[in-house]
Structures are given as structure tokens and as C-alpha cells.
Amino acid sequence: MNNNIRDAKSEIVKEIKANLEASTSTVVAKNVGLSVTELSELRNELKENGIQFKVYKNTLSRIAVKDSEYKYFAPFFKGPNITAFNNGDDETAAIRIIDKFTQEHKNLVITTASLEGRILNNEEIASIAAIPGREGLLGMLASTLIAPLKDITIALHLYNEQKTATAE
């Protein structure tokens, strides 16, 4: 094998390892016929959320995870795959975005995912995908914190109206 080719493959293996180590969550999905337009749409949505989208040769991916803490990914590197590495603030964004995309495009199927170094089963992937994003959770928290103040304000307003009505 040509040394240049060997060096290039070695660099790709190092890149895969570095991406796995840096990501808080990783998703591997089987691509069974998405068009270039659909792949670009997914890639752009992932990129907007700080998620790196890659297509690697399965052999190089298996070499990268062999004898590492990510070896559980090896059996899933078969056929046409995409891999998403989540480096952003929202650890579950990659799982949610790709799951939503698979609902609309049946040619993409999540084969496995990991969150903070732990592989997830299909039920865990589905439950994580159902959780709202960071912005949605912050909105829910804000409304929960505001609710008691709103109730007190309504109660005081009603009390004031009642006092005014009885004074007349």
C-alpha cells in the first residue's frame, strides 16, 4: 500500500477517535437511500446546532473503535452509515434532530447512539428524542417559576376587587 494512502487513512482513524472522545453524544444512523438534497438538509440542521455530521468508511470506523472504550460501536459500522458527533451545549440535540428527521424520512434509521459514553437502547433513544430541547426546557422552567407569582397576583387582584365592591 502506498505510504500516502496509509498516512491518509491513519489520519482519518485519528480524526474518528478524536471526534468520539470530544463528543458528549454520538449517533450512528443507516442511510438507505437519502438524496443529496435530504442529506444536505440534515447536515445543515445538525451544523446549526453544533453537531458534526460525517460519513466514514466502515473499515476505518471499526479500526478507530477497536480496543477502545467505544468498541461497542463496531457492530453498527456496516452498510451506508452517517455518524453525528455532538459537541454543543445541548447533549441530546443530535439524538432529537436525527430522530425527528427519521420520522419524516424513512430512508434513515438510527442504529445506535451513545450519551456521555454509554450506549443507549432503542427505548432510551426514543425517550431522549421526546425530551424538548434546551430552549424548550428553559421555557418550561421559567413558566414553572412564574406560575406562583401569577397566582398571587390574580389572588391579590380579586381580593382588591372584592374589598372595593364591599366598600361601595
C-alpha atoms as a PDB file:
ATOM      1  CA  MET A   1       0.000   0.000   0.000  1.00  0.00           C
ATOM      2  CA  ASN A   2       1.218   3.440  -0.843  1.00  0.00           C
ATOM      3  CA  ASN A   3       2.574   5.350   2.194  1.00  0.00           C
ATOM      4  CA  ASN A   4       0.488   8.408   1.306  1.00  0.00           C
ATOM      5  CA  ILE A   5      -2.703   6.341   1.328  1.00  0.00           C
ATOM      6  CA  ARG A   6      -1.708   4.660   4.594  1.00  0.00           C
ATOM      7  CA  ASP A   7      -0.963   8.059   6.166  1.00  0.00           C
ATOM      8  CA  ALA A   8      -4.285   9.470   4.969  1.00  0.00           C
ATOM      9  CA  LYS A   9      -6.194   6.513   6.419  1.00  0.00           C
ATOM     10  CA  SER A  10      -4.265   6.810   9.667  1.00  0.00           C
ATOM     11  CA  GLU A  11      -5.267  10.478   9.900  1.00  0.00           C
ATOM     12  CA  ILE A  12      -8.931   9.577   9.353  1.00  0.00           C
ATOM     13  CA  VAL A  13      -8.756   6.944  12.122  1.00  0.00           C
ATOM     14  CA  LYS A  14      -7.241   9.564  14.443  1.00  0.00           C
ATOM     15  CA  GLU A  15      -9.994  12.008  13.472  1.00  0.00           C
ATOM     16  CA  ILE A  16     -12.703   9.462  14.289  1.00  0.00           C
ATOM     17  CA  LYS A  17     -11.127   8.748  17.687  1.00  0.00           C
ATOM     18  CA  ALA A  18     -10.801  12.459  18.450  1.00  0.00           C
ATOM     19  CA  ASN A  19     -14.437  13.100  17.457  1.00  0.00           C
ATOM     20  CA  LEU A  20     -15.654  10.274  19.678  1.00  0.00           C
ATOM     21  CA  GLU A  21     -13.621  11.487  22.635  1.00  0.00           C
ATOM     22  CA  ALA A  22     -14.759  15.099  22.228  1.00  0.00           C
ATOM     23  CA  SER A  23     -18.459  14.402  21.740  1.00  0.00           C
ATOM     24  CA  THR A  24     -20.973  14.222  24.563  1.00  0.00           C
ATOM     25  CA  SER A  25     -23.298  12.143  22.409  1.00  0.00           C
ATOM     26  CA  THR A  26     -22.848  10.231  19.179  1.00  0.00           C
ATOM     27  CA  VAL A  27     -25.455   8.878  16.785  1.00  0.00           C
ATOM     28  CA  VAL A  28     -24.897   6.264  14.077  1.00  0.00           C
ATOM     29  CA  ALA A  29     -27.689   6.003  11.520  1.00  0.00           C
ATOM     30  CA  LYS A  30     -28.115   3.801   8.464  1.00  0.00           C
ATOM     31  CA  ASN A  31     -28.664   5.752   5.262  1.00  0.00           C
ATOM     32  CA  VAL A  32     -30.615   3.578   2.848  1.00  0.00           C
ATOM     33  CA  GLY A  33     -31.340   5.970   0.027  1.00  0.00           C
ATOM     34  CA  LEU A  34     -31.470   9.586   1.141  1.00  0.00           C
ATOM     35  CA  SER A  35     -30.988  12.015  -1.702  1.00  0.00           C
ATOM     36  CA  VAL A  36     -28.143  14.531  -1.727  1.00  0.00           C
ATOM     37  CA  THR A  37     -30.690  17.272  -1.003  1.00  0.00           C
ATOM     38  CA  GLU A  38     -32.045  15.405   2.022  1.00  0.00           C
ATOM     39  CA  LEU A  39     -28.520  14.738   3.340  1.00  0.00           C
ATOM     40  CA  SER A  40     -27.661  18.420   2.903  1.00  0.00           C
ATOM     41  CA  GLU A  41     -30.828  19.393   4.762  1.00  0.00           C
ATOM     42  CA  LEU A  42     -29.887  17.109   7.669  1.00  0.00           C
ATOM     43  CA  ARG A  43     -26.265  18.244   7.631  1.00  0.00           C
ATOM     44  CA  ASN A  44     -27.293  21.926   7.767  1.00  0.00           C
ATOM     45  CA  GLU A  45     -29.729  21.388  10.641  1.00  0.00           C
ATOM     46  CA  LEU A  46     -27.097  19.476  12.613  1.00  0.00           C
ATOM     47  CA  LYS A  47     -24.444  22.106  11.896  1.00  0.00           C
ATOM     48  CA  GLU A  48     -26.757  24.883  13.145  1.00  0.00           C
ATOM     49  CA  ASN A  49     -26.872  23.037  16.475  1.00  0.00           C
ATOM     50  CA  GLY A  50     -23.113  22.496  16.814  1.00  0.00           C
ATOM     51  CA  ILE A  51     -23.216  18.879  15.686  1.00  0.00           C
ATOM     52  CA  GLN A  52     -20.622  17.439  13.327  1.00  0.00           C
ATOM     53  CA  PHE A  53     -22.000  15.158  10.582  1.00  0.00           C
ATOM     54  CA  LYS A  54     -19.598  12.700   8.946  1.00  0.00           C
ATOM     55  CA  VAL A  55     -19.623   9.780   6.547  1.00  0.00           C
ATOM     56  CA  TYR A  56     -16.648   7.478   7.093  1.00  0.00           C
ATOM     57  CA  LYS A  57     -15.626   4.167   5.592  1.00  0.00           C
ATOM     58  CA  ASN A  58     -16.867   1.428   7.918  1.00  0.00           C
ATOM     59  CA  THR A  59     -13.488  -0.306   7.969  1.00  0.00           C
ATOM     60  CA  LEU A  60     -11.777   2.850   9.220  1.00  0.00           C
ATOM     61  CA  SER A  61     -14.526   3.404  11.793  1.00  0.00           C
ATOM     62  CA  ARG A  62     -14.146  -0.148  13.112  1.00  0.00           C
ATOM     63  CA  ILE A  63     -10.362   0.290  13.336  1.00  0.00           C
ATOM     64  CA  ALA A  64     -10.846   3.559  15.245  1.00  0.00           C
ATOM     65  CA  VAL A  65     -13.064   1.979  17.899  1.00  0.00           C
ATOM     66  CA  LYS A  66     -11.220  -1.337  18.161  1.00  0.00           C
ATOM     67  CA  ASP A  67      -9.626  -1.822  21.595  1.00  0.00           C
ATOM     68  CA  SER A  68     -11.102   1.436  22.902  1.00  0.00           C
ATOM     69  CA  GLU A  69     -13.918   2.390  25.218  1.00  0.00           C
ATOM     70  CA  TYR A  70     -16.024   2.913  22.066  1.00  0.00           C
ATOM     71  CA  LYS A  71     -15.733  -0.687  20.839  1.00  0.00           C
ATOM     72  CA  TYR A  72     -19.493  -1.149  21.318  1.00  0.00           C
ATOM     73  CA  PHE A  73     -19.965   0.897  18.114  1.00  0.00           C
ATOM     74  CA  ALA A  74     -18.058  -1.608  15.945  1.00  0.00           C
ATOM     75  CA  PRO A  75     -21.005  -3.918  15.070  1.00  0.00           C
ATOM     76  CA  PHE A  76     -23.021  -0.921  13.832  1.00  0.00           C
ATOM     77  CA  PHE A  77     -20.463   0.140  11.231  1.00  0.00           C
ATOM     78  CA  LYS A  78     -21.960  -1.902   8.378  1.00  0.00           C
ATOM     79  CA  GLY A  79     -23.572  -0.629   5.233  1.00  0.00           C
ATOM     80  CA  PRO A  80     -24.069   3.040   4.362  1.00  0.00           C
ATOM     81  CA  ASN A  81     -23.864   4.992   7.629  1.00  0.00           C
ATOM     82  CA  ILE A  82     -23.715   8.531   8.841  1.00  0.00           C
ATOM     83  CA  THR A  83     -22.200   9.477  12.180  1.00  0.00           C
ATOM     84  CA  ALA A  84     -23.127  12.592  14.140  1.00  0.00           C
ATOM     85  CA  PHE A  85     -20.832  13.869  16.883  1.00  0.00           C
ATOM     86  CA  ASN A  86     -22.447  16.280  19.330  1.00  0.00           C
ATOM     87  CA  ASN A  87     -20.000  18.818  20.769  1.00  0.00           C
ATOM     88  CA  GLY A  88     -22.571  21.503  21.625  1.00  0.00           C
ATOM     89  CA  ASP A  89     -24.187  22.592  24.867  1.00  0.00           C
ATOM     90  CA  ASP A  90     -27.329  20.508  24.328  1.00  0.00           C
ATOM     91  CA  GLU A  91     -26.126  16.932  24.803  1.00  0.00           C
ATOM     92  CA  THR A  92     -29.276  15.360  23.411  1.00  0.00           C
ATOM     93  CA  ALA A  93     -29.668  17.573  20.327  1.00  0.00           C
ATOM     94  CA  ALA A  94     -28.152  15.074  17.878  1.00  0.00           C
ATOM     95  CA  ILE A  95     -30.476  12.309  19.046  1.00  0.00           C
ATOM     96  CA  ARG A  96     -33.557  14.565  18.869  1.00  0.00           C
ATOM     97  CA  ILE A  97     -32.732  16.087  15.475  1.00  0.00           C
ATOM     98  CA  ILE A  98     -31.890  12.800  13.781  1.00  0.00           C
ATOM     99  CA  ASP A  99     -34.891  11.030  15.342  1.00  0.00           C
ATOM    100  CA  LYS A 100     -37.187  13.795  14.073  1.00  0.00           C
ATOM    101  CA  PHE A 101     -35.567  13.518  10.633  1.00  0.00           C
ATOM    102  CA  THR A 102     -36.128   9.732  10.604  1.00  0.00           C
ATOM    103  CA  GLN A 103     -39.839  10.310  11.278  1.00  0.00           C
ATOM    104  CA  GLU A 104     -40.074  12.374   8.088  1.00  0.00           C
ATOM    105  CA  HIS A 105     -37.572  10.347   6.003  1.00  0.00           C
ATOM    106  CA  LYS A 106     -37.934   6.597   6.327  1.00  0.00           C
ATOM    107  CA  ASN A 107     -34.659   6.084   4.417  1.00  0.00           C
ATOM    108  CA  LEU A 108     -32.694   6.992   7.548  1.00  0.00           C
ATOM    109  CA  VAL A 109     -32.748   4.723  10.599  1.00  0.00           C
ATOM    110  CA  ILE A 110     -30.893   5.269  13.872  1.00  0.00           C
ATOM    111  CA  THR A 111     -28.891   2.113  14.538  1.00  0.00           C
ATOM    112  CA  THR A 112     -27.245   3.189  17.800  1.00  0.00           C
ATOM    113  CA  ALA A 113     -26.456   6.199  19.937  1.00  0.00           C
ATOM    114  CA  SER A 114     -24.389   6.999  22.970  1.00  0.00           C
ATOM    115  CA  LEU A 115     -24.767   9.647  25.625  1.00  0.00           C
ATOM    116  CA  GLU A 116     -21.821  10.545  27.846  1.00  0.00           C
ATOM    117  CA  GLY A 117     -20.003   7.355  26.859  1.00  0.00           C
ATOM    118  CA  ARG A 118     -22.923   4.978  27.486  1.00  0.00           C
ATOM    119  CA  ILE A 119     -24.621   3.149  24.641  1.00  0.00           C
ATOM    120  CA  LEU A 120     -28.387   3.606  24.504  1.00  0.00           C
ATOM    121  CA  ASN A 121     -31.018   1.044  23.590  1.00  0.00           C
ATOM    122  CA  ASN A 122     -33.920   1.869  21.269  1.00  0.00           C
ATOM    123  CA  GLU A 123     -36.297   2.731  24.127  1.00  0.00           C
ATOM    124  CA  GLU A 124     -33.771   5.135  25.659  1.00  0.00           C
ATOM    125  CA  ILE A 125     -33.182   6.761  22.279  1.00  0.00           C
ATOM    126  CA  ALA A 126     -36.940   7.230  21.832  1.00  0.00           C
ATOM    127  CA  SER A 127     -37.404   8.683  25.323  1.00  0.00           C
ATOM    128  CA  ILE A 128     -34.469  11.086  24.897  1.00  0.00           C
ATOM    129  CA  ALA A 129     -35.803  12.144  21.495  1.00  0.00           C
ATOM    130  CA  ALA A 130     -39.128  13.016  23.153  1.00  0.00           C
ATOM    131  CA  ILE A 131     -37.494  15.435  25.612  1.00  0.00           C
ATOM    132  CA  PRO A 132     -37.759  19.064  24.493  1.00  0.00           C
ATOM    133  CA  GLY A 133     -34.556  20.892  23.579  1.00  0.00           C
ATOM    134  CA  ARG A 134     -32.612  23.164  25.893  1.00  0.00           C
ATOM    135  CA  GLU A 135     -34.668  26.225  24.912  1.00  0.00           C
ATOM    136  CA  GLY A 136     -37.923  24.350  25.480  1.00  0.00           C
ATOM    137  CA  LEU A 137     -36.781  23.111  28.877  1.00  0.00           C
ATOM    138  CA  LEU A 138     -35.717  26.618  29.903  1.00  0.00           C
ATOM    139  CA  GLY A 139     -39.134  27.916  28.838  1.00  0.00           C
ATOM    140  CA  MET A 140     -40.842  25.223  30.914  1.00  0.00           C
ATOM    141  CA  LEU A 141     -38.666  26.116  33.910  1.00  0.00           C
ATOM    142  CA  ALA A 142     -39.433  29.824  33.523  1.00  0.00           C
ATOM    143  CA  SER A 143     -43.185  29.205  33.349  1.00  0.00           C
ATOM    144  CA  THR A 144     -42.975  26.970  36.424  1.00  0.00           C
ATOM    145  CA  LEU A 145     -41.109  29.655  38.349  1.00  0.00           C
ATOM    146  CA  ILE A 146     -43.521  32.399  37.233  1.00  0.00           C
ATOM    147  CA  ALA A 147     -46.719  30.419  37.976  1.00  0.00           C
ATOM    148  CA  PRO A 148     -46.796  31.085  41.765  1.00  0.00           C
ATOM    149  CA  LEU A 149     -46.254  34.828  41.211  1.00  0.00           C
ATOM    150  CA  LYS A 150     -49.030  34.847  38.645  1.00  0.00           C
ATOM    151  CA  ASP A 151     -51.380  33.084  41.073  1.00  0.00           C
ATOM    152  CA  ILE A 152     -50.549  35.548  43.867  1.00  0.00           C
ATOM    153  CA  THR A 153     -51.138  38.477  41.514  1.00  0.00           C
ATOM    154  CA  ILE A 154     -54.553  37.112  40.491  1.00  0.00           C
ATOM    155  CA  ALA A 155     -55.493  36.444  44.122  1.00  0.00           C
ATOM    156  CA  LEU A 156     -54.485  39.965  45.196  1.00  0.00           C
ATOM    157  CA  HIS A 157     -56.389  41.477  42.269  1.00  0.00           C
ATOM    158  CA  LEU A 158     -59.534  39.514  43.160  1.00  0.00           C
ATOM    159  CA  TYR A 159     -59.134  40.452  46.824  1.00  0.00           C
ATOM    160  CA  ASN A 160     -58.784  44.117  45.871  1.00  0.00           C
ATOM    161  CA  GLU A 161     -61.921  43.933  43.669  1.00  0.00           C
ATOM    162  CA  GLN A 162     -63.851  42.267  46.494  1.00  0.00           C
ATOM    163  CA  LYS A 163     -62.745  44.920  49.004  1.00  0.00           C
ATOM    164  CA  THR A 164     -63.692  47.696  46.559  1.00  0.00           C
ATOM    165  CA  ALA A 165     -67.107  46.129  45.909  1.00  0.00           C
ATOM    166  CA  THR A 166     -67.922  45.785  49.636  1.00  0.00           C
ATOM    167  CA  ALA A 167     -66.748  49.359  50.368  1.00  0.00           C
ATOM    168  CA  GLU A 168     -69.250  50.815  47.888  1.00  0.00           C
END
